[in-house]
PDB file of N, CA and C in Angstrom:
ATOM      1  N   MET A   1    -138.615  68.557 163.672  1.00  0.00           N
ATOM      2  CA  MET A   1    -137.357  68.100 164.250  1.00  0.00           C
ATOM      3  C   MET A   1    -137.646  67.085 165.494  1.00  0.00           C
ATOM      4  N   ASN A   2    -137.025  66.031 165.319  1.00  0.00           N
ATOM      5  CA  ASN A   2    -137.283  65.024 166.308  1.00  0.00           C
ATOM      6  C   ASN A   2    -136.138  64.650 167.160  1.00  0.00           C
ATOM      7  N   GLY A   3    -135.114  65.519 167.192  1.00  0.00           N
ATOM      8  CA  GLY A   3    -133.919  65.445 168.053  1.00  0.00           C
ATOM      9  C   GLY A   3    -132.886  64.583 167.596  1.00  0.00           C
ATOM     10  N   HIS A   4    -132.764  64.254 166.626  1.00  0.00           N
ATOM     11  CA  HIS A   4    -131.666  63.267 165.843  1.00  0.00           C
ATOM     12  C   HIS A   4    -130.580  64.214 165.502  1.00  0.00           C
ATOM     13  N   GLU A   5    -129.298  63.800 165.706  1.00  0.00           N
ATOM     14  CA  GLU A   5    -128.099  64.605 165.530  1.00  0.00           C
ATOM     15  C   GLU A   5    -127.969  64.996 163.875  1.00  0.00           C
ATOM     16  N   ASP A   6    -128.431  64.056 163.187  1.00  0.00           N
ATOM     17  CA  ASP A   6    -128.371  64.444 161.579  1.00  0.00           C
ATOM     18  C   ASP A   6    -129.289  65.252 161.240  1.00  0.00           C
ATOM     19  N   ASP A   7    -130.425  65.841 161.953  1.00  0.00           N
ATOM     20  CA  ASP A   7    -131.405  66.715 161.628  1.00  0.00           C
ATOM     21  C   ASP A   7    -130.810  68.200 161.568  1.00  0.00           C
ATOM     22  N   ASN A   8    -129.790  68.415 162.349  1.00  0.00           N
ATOM     23  CA  ASN A   8    -129.114  69.891 162.428  1.00  0.00           C
ATOM     24  C   ASN A   8    -128.376  70.198 161.104  1.00  0.00           C
ATOM     25  N   GLY A   9    -127.924  69.201 160.330  1.00  0.00           N
ATOM     26  CA  GLY A   9    -127.143  69.521 159.186  1.00  0.00           C
ATOM     27  C   GLY A   9    -125.591  69.484 159.472  1.00  0.00           C
ATOM     28  N   ILE A  10    -125.174  69.553 160.651  1.00  0.00           N
ATOM     29  CA  ILE A  10    -123.788  69.738 160.946  1.00  0.00           C
ATOM     30  C   ILE A  10    -123.271  68.244 161.367  1.00  0.00           C
ATOM     31  N   VAL A  11    -122.573  67.670 160.868  1.00  0.00           N
ATOM     32  CA  VAL A  11    -121.838  66.386 161.162  1.00  0.00           C
ATOM     33  C   VAL A  11    -120.359  66.453 161.388  1.00  0.00           C
ATOM     34  N   LEU A  12    -119.792  66.387 162.451  1.00  0.00           N
ATOM     35  CA  LEU A  12    -118.389  66.526 162.601  1.00  0.00           C
ATOM     36  C   LEU A  12    -117.706  65.207 162.381  1.00  0.00           C
ATOM     37  N   THR A  13    -116.425  65.493 161.781  1.00  0.00           N
ATOM     38  CA  THR A  13    -115.701  64.252 161.511  1.00  0.00           C
ATOM     39  C   THR A  13    -114.760  63.927 162.917  1.00  0.00           C
ATOM     40  N   GLU A  14    -114.274  62.576 162.786  1.00  0.00           N
ATOM     41  CA  GLU A  14    -113.696  62.260 163.933  1.00  0.00           C
ATOM     42  C   GLU A  14    -112.670  63.036 164.393  1.00  0.00           C
ATOM     43  N   ALA A  15    -111.742  63.600 163.469  1.00  0.00           N
ATOM     44  CA  ALA A  15    -110.680  64.625 163.723  1.00  0.00           C
ATOM     45  C   ALA A  15    -111.455  65.856 164.427  1.00  0.00           C
ATOM     46  N   GLN A  16    -112.438  66.351 163.898  1.00  0.00           N
ATOM     47  CA  GLN A  16    -113.130  67.463 164.711  1.00  0.00           C
ATOM     48  C   GLN A  16    -113.623  67.119 166.044  1.00  0.00           C
ATOM     49  N   LYS A  17    -113.968  65.890 166.177  1.00  0.00           N
ATOM     50  CA  LYS A  17    -114.696  65.348 167.575  1.00  0.00           C
ATOM     51  C   LYS A  17    -113.395  65.225 168.434  1.00  0.00           C
ATOM     52  N   ARG A  18    -112.295  64.746 168.014  1.00  0.00           N
ATOM     53  CA  ARG A  18    -111.106  64.728 168.842  1.00  0.00           C
ATOM     54  C   ARG A  18    -110.488  65.992 169.164  1.00  0.00           C
ATOM     55  N   ALA A  19    -110.614  67.043 168.349  1.00  0.00           N
ATOM     56  CA  ALA A  19    -110.097  68.300 168.585  1.00  0.00           C
ATOM     57  C   ALA A  19    -110.961  69.030 169.636  1.00  0.00           C
ATOM     58  N   ARG A  20    -112.250  68.885 169.459  1.00  0.00           N
ATOM     59  CA  ARG A  20    -113.226  69.452 170.452  1.00  0.00           C
ATOM     60  C   ARG A  20    -113.054  68.829 171.903  1.00  0.00           C
ATOM     61  N   ARG A  21    -112.851  67.495 171.789  1.00  0.00           N
ATOM     62  CA  ARG A  21    -112.609  66.899 173.013  1.00  0.00           C
ATOM     63  C   ARG A  21    -111.201  67.334 173.853  1.00  0.00           C
ATOM     64  N   SER A  22    -110.180  67.474 172.928  1.00  0.00           N
ATOM     65  CA  SER A  22    -108.968  68.061 173.483  1.00  0.00           C
ATOM     66  C   SER A  22    -108.965  69.411 174.036  1.00  0.00           C
ATOM     67  N   ARG A  23    -109.781  70.241 173.288  1.00  0.00           N
ATOM     68  CA  ARG A  23    -110.084  71.811 173.707  1.00  0.00           C
ATOM     69  C   ARG A  23    -110.763  71.655 175.247  1.00  0.00           C
ATOM     70  N   SER A  24    -111.727  70.876 175.222  1.00  0.00           N
ATOM     71  CA  SER A  24    -112.756  70.652 176.423  1.00  0.00           C
ATOM     72  C   SER A  24    -111.747  70.238 177.747  1.00  0.00           C
ATOM     73  N   ILE A  25    -110.884  69.188 177.485  1.00  0.00           N
ATOM     74  CA  ILE A  25    -110.159  68.805 178.440  1.00  0.00           C
ATOM     75  C   ILE A  25    -109.042  69.790 178.856  1.00  0.00           C
ATOM     76  N   ALA A  26    -108.414  70.715 177.858  1.00  0.00           N
ATOM     77  CA  ALA A  26    -107.509  71.761 178.092  1.00  0.00           C
ATOM     78  C   ALA A  26    -108.288  72.848 178.888  1.00  0.00           C
ATOM     79  N   ILE A  27    -109.550  73.238 178.620  1.00  0.00           N
ATOM     80  CA  ILE A  27    -110.203  74.352 179.433  1.00  0.00           C
ATOM     81  C   ILE A  27    -110.490  73.658 180.738  1.00  0.00           C
ATOM     82  N   ALA A  28    -110.899  72.393 180.852  1.00  0.00           N
ATOM     83  CA  ALA A  28    -111.286  71.867 182.226  1.00  0.00           C
ATOM     84  C   ALA A  28    -110.012  71.983 182.957  1.00  0.00           C
ATOM     85  N   LEU A  29    -108.864  71.519 182.541  1.00  0.00           N
ATOM     86  CA  LEU A  29    -107.678  71.488 183.412  1.00  0.00           C
ATOM     87  C   LEU A  29    -107.213  72.937 183.902  1.00  0.00           C
ATOM     88  N   ALA A  30    -107.324  73.838 182.894  1.00  0.00           N
ATOM     89  CA  ALA A  30    -107.112  75.378 183.246  1.00  0.00           C
ATOM     90  C   ALA A  30    -107.916  75.799 184.377  1.00  0.00           C
ATOM     91  N   LEU A  31    -109.246  75.530 184.128  1.00  0.00           N
ATOM     92  CA  LEU A  31    -110.213  75.989 185.327  1.00  0.00           C
ATOM     93  C   LEU A  31    -109.964  75.275 186.454  1.00  0.00           C
ATOM     94  N   GLY A  32    -109.640  74.139 186.559  1.00  0.00           N
ATOM     95  CA  GLY A  32    -109.290  73.263 187.766  1.00  0.00           C
ATOM     96  C   GLY A  32    -107.962  73.832 188.454  1.00  0.00           C
ATOM     97  N   GLY A  33    -107.043  74.253 187.452  1.00  0.00           N
ATOM     98  CA  GLY A  33    -105.628  74.843 188.172  1.00  0.00           C
ATOM     99  C   GLY A  33    -106.057  76.116 188.701  1.00  0.00           C
ATOM    100  N   LEU A  34    -106.894  76.929 188.174  1.00  0.00           N
ATOM    101  CA  LEU A  34    -107.286  78.307 188.854  1.00  0.00           C
ATOM    102  C   LEU A  34    -108.070  78.059 190.097  1.00  0.00           C
ATOM    103  N   VAL A  35    -108.849  77.030 190.180  1.00  0.00           N
ATOM    104  CA  VAL A  35    -109.529  76.774 191.472  1.00  0.00           C
ATOM    105  C   VAL A  35    -108.521  76.487 192.471  1.00  0.00           C
ATOM    106  N   ILE A  36    -107.509  75.554 192.103  1.00  0.00           N
ATOM    107  CA  ILE A  36    -106.587  75.006 193.186  1.00  0.00           C
ATOM    108  C   ILE A  36    -105.802  76.197 193.589  1.00  0.00           C
ATOM    109  N   LEU A  37    -105.301  77.079 192.674  1.00  0.00           N
ATOM    110  CA  LEU A  37    -104.483  78.273 192.934  1.00  0.00           C
ATOM    111  C   LEU A  37    -105.278  79.093 193.942  1.00  0.00           C
ATOM    112  N   PHE A  38    -106.509  79.553 193.541  1.00  0.00           N
ATOM    113  CA  PHE A  38    -107.206  80.317 194.466  1.00  0.00           C
ATOM    114  C   PHE A  38    -107.497  79.688 195.841  1.00  0.00           C
ATOM    115  N   TYR A  39    -107.516  78.464 195.877  1.00  0.00           N
ATOM    116  CA  TYR A  39    -107.653  77.721 197.287  1.00  0.00           C
ATOM    117  C   TYR A  39    -106.431  77.805 197.996  1.00  0.00           C
ATOM    118  N   VAL A  40    -105.339  77.533 197.338  1.00  0.00           N
ATOM    119  CA  VAL A  40    -103.891  77.606 197.985  1.00  0.00           C
ATOM    120  C   VAL A  40    -103.734  79.007 198.483  1.00  0.00           C
ATOM    121  N   MET A  41    -103.994  80.030 197.605  1.00  0.00           N
ATOM    122  CA  MET A  41    -103.686  81.420 198.001  1.00  0.00           C
ATOM    123  C   MET A  41    -104.559  81.922 199.337  1.00  0.00           C
ATOM    124  N   THR A  42    -105.750  81.201 199.256  1.00  0.00           N
ATOM    125  CA  THR A  42    -106.656  81.521 200.475  1.00  0.00           C
ATOM    126  C   THR A  42    -105.949  80.938 201.791  1.00  0.00           C
ATOM    127  N   LEU A  43    -105.522  79.633 201.568  1.00  0.00           N
ATOM    128  CA  LEU A  43    -104.814  78.967 202.724  1.00  0.00           C
ATOM    129  C   LEU A  43    -103.662  79.700 203.204  1.00  0.00           C
ATOM    130  N   VAL A  44    -102.937  80.230 202.256  1.00  0.00           N
ATOM    131  CA  VAL A  44    -101.723  80.978 202.509  1.00  0.00           C
ATOM    132  C   VAL A  44    -101.988  82.394 203.371  1.00  0.00           C
ATOM    133  N   LYS A  45    -103.068  83.022 202.997  1.00  0.00           N
ATOM    134  CA  LYS A  45    -103.376  84.213 203.524  1.00  0.00           C
ATOM    135  C   LYS A  45    -103.939  84.069 204.902  1.00  0.00           C
ATOM    136  N   GLY A  46    -104.605  82.894 205.118  1.00  0.00           N
ATOM    137  CA  GLY A  46    -105.112  82.447 206.469  1.00  0.00           C
ATOM    138  C   GLY A  46    -106.461  83.370 206.716  1.00  0.00           C
ATOM    139  N   PRO A  47    -106.599  83.486 208.036  1.00  0.00           N
ATOM    140  CA  PRO A  47    -107.636  84.331 208.538  1.00  0.00           C
ATOM    141  C   PRO A  47    -107.769  85.707 208.057  1.00  0.00           C
ATOM    142  N   ALA A  48    -106.707  86.349 207.646  1.00  0.00           N
ATOM    143  CA  ALA A  48    -106.613  87.660 207.256  1.00  0.00           C
ATOM    144  C   ALA A  48    -107.648  87.762 206.009  1.00  0.00           C
ATOM    145  N   VAL A  49    -108.114  86.796 205.386  1.00  0.00           N
ATOM    146  CA  VAL A  49    -108.959  86.889 204.279  1.00  0.00           C
ATOM    147  C   VAL A  49    -110.281  87.426 204.704  1.00  0.00           C
ATOM    148  N   LEU A  50    -110.732  87.235 205.944  1.00  0.00           N
ATOM    149  CA  LEU A  50    -111.882  87.637 206.511  1.00  0.00           C
ATOM    150  C   LEU A  50    -111.873  89.054 207.009  1.00  0.00           C
ATOM    151  N   GLU A  51    -110.698  89.561 207.376  1.00  0.00           N
ATOM    152  CA  GLU A  51    -110.598  90.850 207.829  1.00  0.00           C
ATOM    153  C   GLU A  51    -110.749  91.954 206.849  1.00  0.00           C
ATOM    154  N   LYS A  52    -111.839  92.960 207.036  1.00  0.00           N
ATOM    155  CA  LYS A  52    -111.976  93.883 205.944  1.00  0.00           C
ATOM    156  C   LYS A  52    -111.443  95.110 206.325  1.00  0.00           C
ATOM    157  N   PRO A  53    -110.567  96.040 205.640  1.00  0.00           N
ATOM    158  CA  PRO A  53    -110.220  97.304 206.131  1.00  0.00           C
ATOM    159  C   PRO A  53    -111.215  98.204 206.184  1.00  0.00           C
ATOM    160  N   PHE A  54    -111.315  99.035 207.237  1.00  0.00           N
ATOM    161  CA  PHE A  54    -112.474 100.033 207.176  1.00  0.00           C
ATOM    162  C   PHE A  54    -111.955 101.476 206.774  1.00  0.00           C
TER     163      PHE A  54
END
């Protein structure tokens, strides 16, 4: 195997490549949304986030 894409035996059609890209973008947007949500919730809670109950 010399690293060429054709060697692995799986060649995606253009429709499959578009579908994969769409899924990747959707996952990235969902992950980014969660990061923003957690960040905003941390800002809303303020310094109380650092206080641990004993």
